[in-house]
Amino acid sequence: MSDCLFCKIIAGDIPSAKVFEDETVYAFRDINPMAPVHVLVVPKCHIASANEVTGENASVVADIFKAIPKIAAAEGLTNGYRVITNCGEDGCQSVKHLHFHLLGGKKLPDQMG
């Protein structure tokens, strides 16, 4: 999508601190980290949200979840990490491109909010 922030980052039109890339997945550091390690892991193809995952594009989500442990290991997250995705307005999805927050580097709180 031409107006999608993450599509522009993936295309290299907007700079990012890339930590991982393969054929289907791109990962980069969040500009407003909520933990010592805060990486956004996104599909290279535009999928607007978790609501748009279908049988046709679900393999891309599987690729993301295959990449996440590699990224976590490269970031030194040996004691665990959290993976979060937000969906829709009430879920606080700020960018309408499916993305997963990989958080770690310290003991994370048990509860949200």
PDB file of N, CA and C in Angstrom:
ATOM      1  N   MET A   1       0.842  -1.189   0.000  1.00  0.00           N
ATOM      2  CA  MET A   1       0.000   0.000   0.000  1.00  0.00           C
ATOM      3  C   MET A   1       0.880   1.243   0.000  1.00  0.00           C
ATOM      4  N   SER A   2       0.562   2.173  -0.839  1.00  0.00           N
ATOM      5  CA  SER A   2       1.417   3.340  -1.021  1.00  0.00           C
ATOM      6  C   SER A   2       1.413   4.290   0.183  1.00  0.00           C
ATOM      7  N   ASP A   3       0.343   4.295   0.982  1.00  0.00           N
ATOM      8  CA  ASP A   3       0.279   5.221   2.114  1.00  0.00           C
ATOM      9  C   ASP A   3       0.560   4.548   3.454  1.00  0.00           C
ATOM     10  N   CYS A   4       0.967   3.293   3.453  1.00  0.00           N
ATOM     11  CA  CYS A   4       1.204   2.539   4.677  1.00  0.00           C
ATOM     12  C   CYS A   4       2.623   2.803   5.196  1.00  0.00           C
ATOM     13  N   LEU A   5       2.730   3.235   6.430  1.00  0.00           N
ATOM     14  CA  LEU A   5       4.018   3.532   7.044  1.00  0.00           C
ATOM     15  C   LEU A   5       4.955   2.325   6.999  1.00  0.00           C
ATOM     16  N   PHE A   6       4.463   1.153   7.384  1.00  0.00           N
ATOM     17  CA  PHE A   6       5.335  -0.022   7.425  1.00  0.00           C
ATOM     18  C   PHE A   6       5.718  -0.484   6.025  1.00  0.00           C
ATOM     19  N   CYS A   7       4.829  -0.346   5.059  1.00  0.00           N
ATOM     20  CA  CYS A   7       5.193  -0.680   3.673  1.00  0.00           C
ATOM     21  C   CYS A   7       6.321   0.230   3.197  1.00  0.00           C
ATOM     22  N   LYS A   8       6.268   1.506   3.592  1.00  0.00           N
ATOM     23  CA  LYS A   8       7.334   2.444   3.220  1.00  0.00           C
ATOM     24  C   LYS A   8       8.650   2.085   3.905  1.00  0.00           C
ATOM     25  N   ILE A   9       8.577   1.633   5.149  1.00  0.00           N
ATOM     26  CA  ILE A   9       9.788   1.194   5.854  1.00  0.00           C
ATOM     27  C   ILE A   9      10.371  -0.034   5.168  1.00  0.00           C
ATOM     28  N   ILE A  10       9.535  -1.007   4.851  1.00  0.00           N
ATOM     29  CA  ILE A  10       9.992  -2.228   4.183  1.00  0.00           C
ATOM     30  C   ILE A  10      10.635  -1.903   2.839  1.00  0.00           C
ATOM     31  N   ALA A  11      10.055  -0.954   2.113  1.00  0.00           N
ATOM     32  CA  ALA A  11      10.578  -0.557   0.797  1.00  0.00           C
ATOM     33  C   ALA A  11      11.864   0.259   0.898  1.00  0.00           C
ATOM     34  N   GLY A  12      12.204   0.704   2.098  1.00  0.00           N
ATOM     35  CA  GLY A  12      13.397   1.518   2.275  1.00  0.00           C
ATOM     36  C   GLY A  12      13.166   3.006   2.059  1.00  0.00           C
ATOM     37  N   ASP A  13      11.907   3.405   1.893  1.00  0.00           N
ATOM     38  CA  ASP A  13      11.582   4.821   1.699  1.00  0.00           C
ATOM     39  C   ASP A  13      11.684   5.613   2.998  1.00  0.00           C
ATOM     40  N   ILE A  14      11.507   4.922   4.119  1.00  0.00           N
ATOM     41  CA  ILE A  14      11.655   5.519   5.440  1.00  0.00           C
ATOM     42  C   ILE A  14      12.707   4.693   6.171  1.00  0.00           C
ATOM     43  N   PRO A  15      13.706   5.336   6.779  1.00  0.00           N
ATOM     44  CA  PRO A  15      14.756   4.575   7.458  1.00  0.00           C
ATOM     45  C   PRO A  15      14.236   3.837   8.691  1.00  0.00           C
ATOM     46  N   SER A  16      14.886   2.723   8.987  1.00  0.00           N
ATOM     47  CA  SER A  16      14.569   1.955  10.186  1.00  0.00           C
ATOM     48  C   SER A  16      15.842   1.285  10.671  1.00  0.00           C
ATOM     49  N   ALA A  17      15.809   0.858  11.924  1.00  0.00           N
ATOM     50  CA  ALA A  17      16.924   0.096  12.496  1.00  0.00           C
ATOM     51  C   ALA A  17      16.599  -1.388  12.322  1.00  0.00           C
ATOM     52  N   LYS A  18      16.917  -1.900  11.141  1.00  0.00           N
ATOM     53  CA  LYS A  18      16.585  -3.287  10.795  1.00  0.00           C
ATOM     54  C   LYS A  18      17.382  -4.257  11.661  1.00  0.00           C
ATOM     55  N   VAL A  19      16.686  -5.296  12.145  1.00  0.00           N
ATOM     56  CA  VAL A  19      17.366  -6.352  12.894  1.00  0.00           C
ATOM     57  C   VAL A  19      17.252  -7.705  12.213  1.00  0.00           C
ATOM     58  N   PHE A  20      16.316  -7.842  11.258  1.00  0.00           N
ATOM     59  CA  PHE A  20      16.129  -9.126  10.568  1.00  0.00           C
ATOM     60  C   PHE A  20      15.379  -8.869   9.272  1.00  0.00           C
ATOM     61  N   GLU A  21      15.735  -9.665   8.261  1.00  0.00           N
ATOM     62  CA  GLU A  21      14.988  -9.626   7.011  1.00  0.00           C
ATOM     63  C   GLU A  21      15.205 -10.936   6.283  1.00  0.00           C
ATOM     64  N   ASP A  22      14.115 -11.468   5.737  1.00  0.00           N
ATOM     65  CA  ASP A  22      14.207 -12.589   4.803  1.00  0.00           C
ATOM     66  C   ASP A  22      13.199 -12.340   3.685  1.00  0.00           C
ATOM     67  N   GLU A  23      12.804 -13.357   2.971  1.00  0.00           N
ATOM     68  CA  GLU A  23      11.930 -13.174   1.804  1.00  0.00           C
ATOM     69  C   GLU A  23      10.552 -12.621   2.165  1.00  0.00           C
ATOM     70  N   THR A  24      10.037 -12.979   3.347  1.00  0.00           N
ATOM     71  CA  THR A  24       8.658 -12.619   3.690  1.00  0.00           C
ATOM     72  C   THR A  24       8.512 -11.775   4.950  1.00  0.00           C
ATOM     73  N   VAL A  25       9.581 -11.635   5.726  1.00  0.00           N
ATOM     74  CA  VAL A  25       9.511 -10.992   7.043  1.00  0.00           C
ATOM     75  C   VAL A  25      10.538  -9.866   7.137  1.00  0.00           C
ATOM     76  N   TYR A  26      10.143  -8.781   7.794  1.00  0.00           N
ATOM     77  CA  TYR A  26      11.040  -7.658   8.070  1.00  0.00           C
ATOM     78  C   TYR A  26      10.872  -7.311   9.542  1.00  0.00           C
ATOM     79  N   ALA A  27      11.978  -7.087  10.248  1.00  0.00           N
ATOM     80  CA  ALA A  27      11.913  -6.728  11.666  1.00  0.00           C
ATOM     81  C   ALA A  27      12.829  -5.541  11.931  1.00  0.00           C
ATOM     82  N   PHE A  28      12.345  -4.623  12.767  1.00  0.00           N
ATOM     83  CA  PHE A  28      13.096  -3.414  13.069  1.00  0.00           C
ATOM     84  C   PHE A  28      12.762  -2.924  14.473  1.00  0.00           C
ATOM     85  N   ARG A  29      13.634  -2.108  15.022  1.00  0.00           N
ATOM     86  CA  ARG A  29      13.456  -1.596  16.379  1.00  0.00           C
ATOM     87  C   ARG A  29      12.323  -0.562  16.431  1.00  0.00           C
ATOM     88  N   ASP A  30      11.508  -0.684  17.462  1.00  0.00           N
ATOM     89  CA  ASP A  30      10.433   0.287  17.686  1.00  0.00           C
ATOM     90  C   ASP A  30      11.052   1.626  18.084  1.00  0.00           C
ATOM     91  N   ILE A  31      10.523   2.720  17.543  1.00  0.00           N
ATOM     92  CA  ILE A  31      11.088   4.042  17.859  1.00  0.00           C
ATOM     93  C   ILE A  31      10.663   4.535  19.246  1.00  0.00           C
ATOM     94  N   ASN A  32       9.660   3.902  19.850  1.00  0.00           N
ATOM     95  CA  ASN A  32       9.229   4.217  21.216  1.00  0.00           C
ATOM     96  C   ASN A  32       9.233   2.935  22.043  1.00  0.00           C
ATOM     97  N   PRO A  33      10.425   2.433  22.387  1.00  0.00           N
ATOM     98  CA  PRO A  33      10.493   1.121  23.044  1.00  0.00           C
ATOM     99  C   PRO A  33       9.822   1.084  24.407  1.00  0.00           C
ATOM    100  N   MET A  34       9.125  -0.016  24.654  1.00  0.00           N
ATOM    101  CA  MET A  34       8.444  -0.242  25.922  1.00  0.00           C
ATOM    102  C   MET A  34       9.207  -1.226  26.802  1.00  0.00           C
ATOM    103  N   ALA A  35      10.358  -1.692  26.328  1.00  0.00           N
ATOM    104  CA  ALA A  35      11.212  -2.627  27.051  1.00  0.00           C
ATOM    105  C   ALA A  35      12.620  -2.451  26.494  1.00  0.00           C
ATOM    106  N   PRO A  36      13.634  -2.968  27.198  1.00  0.00           N
ATOM    107  CA  PRO A  36      14.997  -2.840  26.675  1.00  0.00           C
ATOM    108  C   PRO A  36      15.147  -3.361  25.244  1.00  0.00           C
ATOM    109  N   VAL A  37      14.447  -4.438  24.927  1.00  0.00           N
ATOM    110  CA  VAL A  37      14.374  -4.924  23.545  1.00  0.00           C
ATOM    111  C   VAL A  37      12.927  -4.783  23.100  1.00  0.00           C
ATOM    112  N   HIS A  38      12.695  -4.025  22.035  1.00  0.00           N
ATOM    113  CA  HIS A  38      11.350  -3.852  21.482  1.00  0.00           C
ATOM    114  C   HIS A  38      11.497  -3.807  19.970  1.00  0.00           C
ATOM    115  N   VAL A  39      11.194  -4.940  19.356  1.00  0.00           N
ATOM    116  CA  VAL A  39      11.338  -5.107  17.911  1.00  0.00           C
ATOM    117  C   VAL A  39       9.951  -5.324  17.311  1.00  0.00           C
ATOM    118  N   LEU A  40       9.686  -4.683  16.190  1.00  0.00           N
ATOM    119  CA  LEU A  40       8.453  -4.908  15.439  1.00  0.00           C
ATOM    120  C   LEU A  40       8.755  -5.906  14.333  1.00  0.00           C
ATOM    121  N   VAL A  41       7.940  -6.939  14.247  1.00  0.00           N
ATOM    122  CA  VAL A  41       8.120  -7.982  13.246  1.00  0.00           C
ATOM    123  C   VAL A  41       6.893  -7.940  12.340  1.00  0.00           C
ATOM    124  N   VAL A  42       7.130  -7.706  11.038  1.00  0.00           N
ATOM    125  CA  VAL A  42       6.024  -7.459  10.106  1.00  0.00           C
ATOM    126  C   VAL A  42       6.157  -8.331   8.862  1.00  0.00           C
ATOM    127  N   PRO A  43       5.013  -8.663   8.257  1.00  0.00           N
ATOM    128  CA  PRO A  43       5.088  -9.322   6.952  1.00  0.00           C
ATOM    129  C   PRO A  43       5.456  -8.290   5.885  1.00  0.00           C
ATOM    130  N   LYS A  44       6.227  -8.707   4.905  1.00  0.00           N
ATOM    131  CA  LYS A  44       6.568  -7.793   3.812  1.00  0.00           C
ATOM    132  C   LYS A  44       5.354  -7.491   2.940  1.00  0.00           C
ATOM    133  N   CYS A  45       4.440  -8.431   2.824  1.00  0.00           N
ATOM    134  CA  CYS A  45       3.206  -8.154   2.084  1.00  0.00           C
ATOM    135  C   CYS A  45       2.250  -7.432   3.016  1.00  0.00           C
ATOM    136  N   HIS A  46       1.431  -6.560   2.448  1.00  0.00           N
ATOM    137  CA  HIS A  46       0.517  -5.785   3.277  1.00  0.00           C
ATOM    138  C   HIS A  46      -0.678  -6.636   3.692  1.00  0.00           C
ATOM    139  N   ILE A  47      -0.798  -6.829   5.002  1.00  0.00           N
ATOM    140  CA  ILE A  47      -1.971  -7.419   5.643  1.00  0.00           C
ATOM    141  C   ILE A  47      -2.359  -6.394   6.699  1.00  0.00           C
ATOM    142  N   ALA A  48      -3.559  -5.877   6.638  1.00  0.00           N
ATOM    143  CA  ALA A  48      -3.926  -4.737   7.478  1.00  0.00           C
ATOM    144  C   ALA A  48      -3.966  -5.062   8.969  1.00  0.00           C
ATOM    145  N   SER A  49      -4.434  -6.247   9.331  1.00  0.00           N
ATOM    146  CA  SER A  49      -4.549  -6.591  10.753  1.00  0.00           C
ATOM    147  C   SER A  49      -4.731  -8.094  10.893  1.00  0.00           C
ATOM    148  N   ALA A  50      -4.794  -8.555  12.129  1.00  0.00           N
ATOM    149  CA  ALA A  50      -5.044  -9.969  12.390  1.00  0.00           C
ATOM    150  C   ALA A  50      -6.384 -10.414  11.792  1.00  0.00           C
ATOM    151  N   ASN A  51      -7.320  -9.481  11.670  1.00  0.00           N
ATOM    152  CA  ASN A  51      -8.618  -9.809  11.079  1.00  0.00           C
ATOM    153  C   ASN A  51      -8.524 -10.170   9.604  1.00  0.00           C
ATOM    154  N   GLU A  52      -7.432  -9.804   8.959  1.00  0.00           N
ATOM    155  CA  GLU A  52      -7.272 -10.077   7.531  1.00  0.00           C
ATOM    156  C   GLU A  52      -6.378 -11.277   7.230  1.00  0.00           C
ATOM    157  N   VAL A  53      -6.042 -12.054   8.250  1.00  0.00           N
ATOM    158  CA  VAL A  53      -5.291 -13.285   8.020  1.00  0.00           C
ATOM    159  C   VAL A  53      -6.267 -14.317   7.471  1.00  0.00           C
ATOM    160  N   THR A  54      -5.902 -14.907   6.339  1.00  0.00           N
ATOM    161  CA  THR A  54      -6.761 -15.865   5.651  1.00  0.00           C
ATOM    162  C   THR A  54      -5.970 -17.143   5.363  1.00  0.00           C
ATOM    163  N   GLY A  55      -6.644 -18.113   4.811  1.00  0.00           N
ATOM    164  CA  GLY A  55      -5.967 -19.330   4.380  1.00  0.00           C
ATOM    165  C   GLY A  55      -4.904 -19.058   3.337  1.00  0.00           C
ATOM    166  N   GLU A  56      -5.111 -18.037   2.532  1.00  0.00           N
ATOM    167  CA  GLU A  56      -4.167 -17.699   1.473  1.00  0.00           C
ATOM    168  C   GLU A  56      -2.900 -17.016   2.001  1.00  0.00           C
ATOM    169  N   ASN A  57      -2.995 -16.253   3.098  1.00  0.00           N
ATOM    170  CA  ASN A  57      -1.810 -15.528   3.583  1.00  0.00           C
ATOM    171  C   ASN A  57      -1.310 -16.014   4.944  1.00  0.00           C
ATOM    172  N   ALA A  58      -1.930 -17.032   5.503  1.00  0.00           N
ATOM    173  CA  ALA A  58      -1.546 -17.522   6.827  1.00  0.00           C
ATOM    174  C   ALA A  58      -0.108 -18.033   6.869  1.00  0.00           C
ATOM    175  N   SER A  59       0.419 -18.479   5.757  1.00  0.00           N
ATOM    176  CA  SER A  59       1.801 -18.972   5.746  1.00  0.00           C
ATOM    177  C   SER A  59       2.789 -17.848   6.074  1.00  0.00           C
ATOM    178  N   VAL A  60       2.430 -16.619   5.753  1.00  0.00           N
ATOM    179  CA  VAL A  60       3.285 -15.477   6.085  1.00  0.00           C
ATOM    180  C   VAL A  60       3.351 -15.306   7.601  1.00  0.00           C
ATOM    181  N   VAL A  61       2.229 -15.494   8.280  1.00  0.00           N
ATOM    182  CA  VAL A  61       2.207 -15.406   9.740  1.00  0.00           C
ATOM    183  C   VAL A  61       3.051 -16.538  10.330  1.00  0.00           C
ATOM    184  N   ALA A  62       2.979 -17.717   9.731  1.00  0.00           N
ATOM    185  CA  ALA A  62       3.836 -18.821  10.181  1.00  0.00           C
ATOM    186  C   ALA A  62       5.306 -18.453  10.009  1.00  0.00           C
ATOM    187  N   ASP A  63       5.641 -17.805   8.903  1.00  0.00           N
ATOM    188  CA  ASP A  63       7.029 -17.356   8.685  1.00  0.00           C
ATOM    189  C   ASP A  63       7.465 -16.380   9.774  1.00  0.00           C
ATOM    190  N   ILE A  64       6.561 -15.498  10.178  1.00  0.00           N
ATOM    191  CA  ILE A  64       6.873 -14.552  11.249  1.00  0.00           C
ATOM    192  C   ILE A  64       7.201 -15.304  12.532  1.00  0.00           C
ATOM    193  N   PHE A  65       6.376 -16.294  12.850  1.00  0.00           N
ATOM    194  CA  PHE A  65       6.599 -17.035  14.088  1.00  0.00           C
ATOM    195  C   PHE A  65       7.790 -17.986  14.010  1.00  0.00           C
ATOM    196  N   LYS A  66       8.251 -18.294  12.822  1.00  0.00           N
ATOM    197  CA  LYS A  66       9.522 -19.009  12.676  1.00  0.00           C
ATOM    198  C   LYS A  66      10.686 -18.041  12.862  1.00  0.00           C
ATOM    199  N   ALA A  67      10.516 -16.786  12.467  1.00  0.00           N
ATOM    200  CA  ALA A  67      11.578 -15.781  12.588  1.00  0.00           C
ATOM    201  C   ALA A  67      11.728 -15.272  14.018  1.00  0.00           C
ATOM    202  N   ILE A  68      10.653 -15.200  14.763  1.00  0.00           N
ATOM    203  CA  ILE A  68      10.695 -14.600  16.097  1.00  0.00           C
ATOM    204  C   ILE A  68      11.736 -15.256  17.013  1.00  0.00           C
ATOM    205  N   PRO A  69      11.816 -16.574  17.125  1.00  0.00           N
ATOM    206  CA  PRO A  69      12.857 -17.142  17.995  1.00  0.00           C
ATOM    207  C   PRO A  69      14.281 -16.818  17.528  1.00  0.00           C
ATOM    208  N   LYS A  70      14.474 -16.711  16.222  1.00  0.00           N
ATOM    209  CA  LYS A  70      15.797 -16.334  15.697  1.00  0.00           C
ATOM    210  C   LYS A  70      16.137 -14.905  16.118  1.00  0.00           C
ATOM    211  N   ILE A  71      15.158 -14.013  15.999  1.00  0.00           N
ATOM    212  CA  ILE A  71      15.365 -12.614  16.380  1.00  0.00           C
ATOM    213  C   ILE A  71      15.622 -12.525  17.888  1.00  0.00           C
ATOM    214  N   ALA A  72      14.811 -13.234  18.662  1.00  0.00           N
ATOM    215  CA  ALA A  72      14.964 -13.219  20.123  1.00  0.00           C
ATOM    216  C   ALA A  72      16.356 -13.709  20.520  1.00  0.00           C
ATOM    217  N   ALA A  73      16.827 -14.769  19.901  1.00  0.00           N
ATOM    218  CA  ALA A  73      18.166 -15.289  20.213  1.00  0.00           C
ATOM    219  C   ALA A  73      19.241 -14.268  19.838  1.00  0.00           C
ATOM    220  N   ALA A  74      19.110 -13.651  18.676  1.00  0.00           N
ATOM    221  CA  ALA A  74      20.088 -12.652  18.242  1.00  0.00           C
ATOM    222  C   ALA A  74      20.096 -11.442  19.169  1.00  0.00           C
ATOM    223  N   GLU A  75      18.956 -11.147  19.786  1.00  0.00           N
ATOM    224  CA  GLU A  75      18.844 -10.013  20.711  1.00  0.00           C
ATOM    225  C   GLU A  75      19.216 -10.391  22.138  1.00  0.00           C
ATOM    226  N   GLY A  76      19.596 -11.654  22.354  1.00  0.00           N
ATOM    227  CA  GLY A  76      20.021 -12.100  23.679  1.00  0.00           C
ATOM    228  C   GLY A  76      18.898 -12.362  24.653  1.00  0.00           C
ATOM    229  N   LEU A  77      17.711 -12.626  24.155  1.00  0.00           N
ATOM    230  CA  LEU A  77      16.554 -12.857  25.028  1.00  0.00           C
ATOM    231  C   LEU A  77      16.503 -14.323  25.459  1.00  0.00           C
ATOM    232  N   THR A  78      17.461 -14.722  26.261  1.00  0.00           N
ATOM    233  CA  THR A  78      17.599 -16.124  26.666  1.00  0.00           C
ATOM    234  C   THR A  78      16.678 -16.509  27.814  1.00  0.00           C
ATOM    235  N   ASN A  79      16.115 -15.530  28.508  1.00  0.00           N
ATOM    236  CA  ASN A  79      15.273 -15.822  29.667  1.00  0.00           C
ATOM    237  C   ASN A  79      13.788 -15.604  29.389  1.00  0.00           C
ATOM    238  N   GLY A  80      13.430 -15.427  28.109  1.00  0.00           N
ATOM    239  CA  GLY A  80      12.032 -15.263  27.745  1.00  0.00           C
ATOM    240  C   GLY A  80      11.739 -13.908  27.117  1.00  0.00           C
ATOM    241  N   TYR A  81      10.555 -13.818  26.569  1.00  0.00           N
ATOM    242  CA  TYR A  81      10.110 -12.609  25.885  1.00  0.00           C
ATOM    243  C   TYR A  81       8.607 -12.673  25.710  1.00  0.00           C
ATOM    244  N   ARG A  82       8.039 -11.571  25.259  1.00  0.00           N
ATOM    245  CA  ARG A  82       6.598 -11.477  25.012  1.00  0.00           C
ATOM    246  C   ARG A  82       6.378 -11.081  23.560  1.00  0.00           C
ATOM    247  N   VAL A  83       5.327 -11.646  22.941  1.00  0.00           N
ATOM    248  CA  VAL A  83       4.924 -11.292  21.577  1.00  0.00           C
ATOM    249  C   VAL A  83       3.482 -10.805  21.646  1.00  0.00           C
ATOM    250  N   ILE A  84       3.245  -9.605  21.112  1.00  0.00           N
ATOM    251  CA  ILE A  84       1.916  -8.990  21.175  1.00  0.00           C
ATOM    252  C   ILE A  84       1.541  -8.457  19.798  1.00  0.00           C
ATOM    253  N   THR A  85       0.271  -8.610  19.432  1.00  0.00           N
ATOM    254  CA  THR A  85      -0.258  -7.897  18.274  1.00  0.00           C
ATOM    255  C   THR A  85      -1.526  -7.176  18.702  1.00  0.00           C
ATOM    256  N   ASN A  86      -1.715  -5.993  18.191  1.00  0.00           N
ATOM    257  CA  ASN A  86      -2.909  -5.199  18.463  1.00  0.00           C
ATOM    258  C   ASN A  86      -3.792  -5.255  17.222  1.00  0.00           C
ATOM    259  N   CYS A  87      -5.100  -5.256  17.442  1.00  0.00           N
ATOM    260  CA  CYS A  87      -6.021  -5.355  16.314  1.00  0.00           C
ATOM    261  C   CYS A  87      -7.174  -4.372  16.502  1.00  0.00           C
ATOM    262  N   GLY A  88      -7.293  -3.448  15.566  1.00  0.00           N
ATOM    263  CA  GLY A  88      -8.403  -2.501  15.566  1.00  0.00           C
ATOM    264  C   GLY A  88      -8.250  -1.382  16.576  1.00  0.00           C
ATOM    265  N   GLU A  89      -9.226  -0.492  16.547  1.00  0.00           N
ATOM    266  CA  GLU A  89      -9.190   0.703  17.386  1.00  0.00           C
ATOM    267  C   GLU A  89      -9.170   0.382  18.876  1.00  0.00           C
ATOM    268  N   ASP A  90     -10.063  -0.499  19.326  1.00  0.00           N
ATOM    269  CA  ASP A  90     -10.097  -0.837  20.746  1.00  0.00           C
ATOM    270  C   ASP A  90      -8.858  -1.610  21.174  1.00  0.00           C
ATOM    271  N   GLY A  91      -8.203  -2.280  20.242  1.00  0.00           N
ATOM    272  CA  GLY A  91      -6.961  -2.989  20.525  1.00  0.00           C
ATOM    273  C   GLY A  91      -5.738  -2.098  20.422  1.00  0.00           C
ATOM    274  N   CYS A  92      -5.957  -0.812  20.134  1.00  0.00           N
ATOM    275  CA  CYS A  92      -4.883   0.196  20.030  1.00  0.00           C
ATOM    276  C   CYS A  92      -3.912  -0.090  18.887  1.00  0.00           C
ATOM    277  N   GLN A  93      -4.428  -0.585  17.758  1.00  0.00           N
ATOM    278  CA  GLN A  93      -3.575  -0.776  16.591  1.00  0.00           C
ATOM    279  C   GLN A  93      -3.330   0.583  15.953  1.00  0.00           C
ATOM    280  N   SER A  94      -2.088   1.076  16.042  1.00  0.00           N
ATOM    281  CA  SER A  94      -1.789   2.420  15.558  1.00  0.00           C
ATOM    282  C   SER A  94      -1.389   2.448  14.082  1.00  0.00           C
ATOM    283  N   VAL A  95      -0.828   1.359  13.571  1.00  0.00           N
ATOM    284  CA  VAL A  95      -0.462   1.266  12.158  1.00  0.00           C
ATOM    285  C   VAL A  95      -1.257   0.112  11.557  1.00  0.00           C
ATOM    286  N   LYS A  96      -1.977   0.392  10.506  1.00  0.00           N
ATOM    287  CA  LYS A  96      -2.863  -0.606   9.891  1.00  0.00           C
ATOM    288  C   LYS A  96      -2.080  -1.534   8.953  1.00  0.00           C
ATOM    289  N   HIS A  97      -1.072  -2.182   9.520  1.00  0.00           N
ATOM    290  CA  HIS A  97      -0.268  -3.211   8.849  1.00  0.00           C
ATOM    291  C   HIS A  97       0.038  -4.212   9.955  1.00  0.00           C
ATOM    292  N   LEU A  98      -0.355  -5.458   9.767  1.00  0.00           N
ATOM    293  CA  LEU A  98      -0.144  -6.482  10.780  1.00  0.00           C
ATOM    294  C   LEU A  98       1.293  -6.419  11.287  1.00  0.00           C
ATOM    295  N   HIS A  99       1.458  -6.374  12.596  1.00  0.00           N
ATOM    296  CA  HIS A  99       2.791  -6.377  13.181  1.00  0.00           C
ATOM    297  C   HIS A  99       2.741  -6.989  14.568  1.00  0.00           C
ATOM    298  N   PHE A 100       3.864  -7.558  14.926  1.00  0.00           N
ATOM    299  CA  PHE A 100       4.008  -8.207  16.223  1.00  0.00           C
ATOM    300  C   PHE A 100       5.120  -7.504  16.991  1.00  0.00           C
ATOM    301  N   HIS A 101       4.827  -7.147  18.231  1.00  0.00           N
ATOM    302  CA  HIS A 101       5.807  -6.526  19.114  1.00  0.00           C
ATOM    303  C   HIS A 101       6.543  -7.649  19.835  1.00  0.00           C
ATOM    304  N   LEU A 102       7.849  -7.692  19.698  1.00  0.00           N
ATOM    305  CA  LEU A 102       8.705  -8.624  20.429  1.00  0.00           C
ATOM    306  C   LEU A 102       9.358  -7.812  21.542  1.00  0.00           C
ATOM    307  N   LEU A 103       9.006  -8.139  22.782  1.00  0.00           N
ATOM    308  CA  LEU A 103       9.446  -7.373  23.952  1.00  0.00           C
ATOM    309  C   LEU A 103      10.239  -8.269  24.888  1.00  0.00           C
ATOM    310  N   GLY A 104      11.325  -7.751  25.423  1.00  0.00           N
ATOM    311  CA  GLY A 104      12.111  -8.508  26.391  1.00  0.00           C
ATOM    312  C   GLY A 104      13.279  -7.702  26.906  1.00  0.00           C
ATOM    313  N   GLY A 105      14.175  -8.416  27.554  1.00  0.00           N
ATOM    314  CA  GLY A 105      15.375  -7.773  28.096  1.00  0.00           C
ATOM    315  C   GLY A 105      15.251  -7.431  29.566  1.00  0.00           C
ATOM    316  N   LYS A 106      14.096  -7.709  30.159  1.00  0.00           N
ATOM    317  CA  LYS A 106      13.875  -7.522  31.595  1.00  0.00           C
ATOM    318  C   LYS A 106      12.625  -8.324  31.962  1.00  0.00           C
ATOM    319  N   LYS A 107      12.390  -8.486  33.244  1.00  0.00           N
ATOM    320  CA  LYS A 107      11.160  -9.128  33.715  1.00  0.00           C
ATOM    321  C   LYS A 107      10.003  -8.194  33.384  1.00  0.00           C
ATOM    322  N   LEU A 108       9.071  -8.677  32.581  1.00  0.00           N
ATOM    323  CA  LEU A 108       7.922  -7.864  32.154  1.00  0.00           C
ATOM    324  C   LEU A 108       6.795  -8.005  33.170  1.00  0.00           C
ATOM    325  N   PRO A 109       5.950  -6.992  33.313  1.00  0.00           N
ATOM    326  CA  PRO A 109       4.854  -7.070  34.287  1.00  0.00           C
ATOM    327  C   PRO A 109       3.859  -8.164  33.922  1.00  0.00           C
ATOM    328  N   ASP A 110       3.266  -8.763  34.959  1.00  0.00           N
ATOM    329  CA  ASP A 110       2.281  -9.823  34.757  1.00  0.00           C
ATOM    330  C   ASP A 110       0.999  -9.296  34.131  1.00  0.00           C
ATOM    331  N   GLN A 111       0.634  -8.057  34.447  1.00  0.00           N
ATOM    332  CA  GLN A 111      -0.633  -7.509  34.010  1.00  0.00           C
ATOM    333  C   GLN A 111      -0.420  -6.353  33.037  1.00  0.00           C
ATOM    334  N   MET A 112      -1.402  -6.177  32.185  1.00  0.00           N
ATOM    335  CA  MET A 112      -1.366  -5.056  31.245  1.00  0.00           C
ATOM    336  C   MET A 112      -1.988  -3.839  31.919  1.00  0.00           C
ATOM    337  N   GLY A 113      -1.553  -2.660  31.430  1.00  0.00           N
ATOM    338  CA  GLY A 113      -2.164  -1.407  31.867  1.00  0.00           C
ATOM    339  C   GLY A 113      -1.676  -1.009  33.186  1.00  0.00           C
TER     340      GLY A 113
END
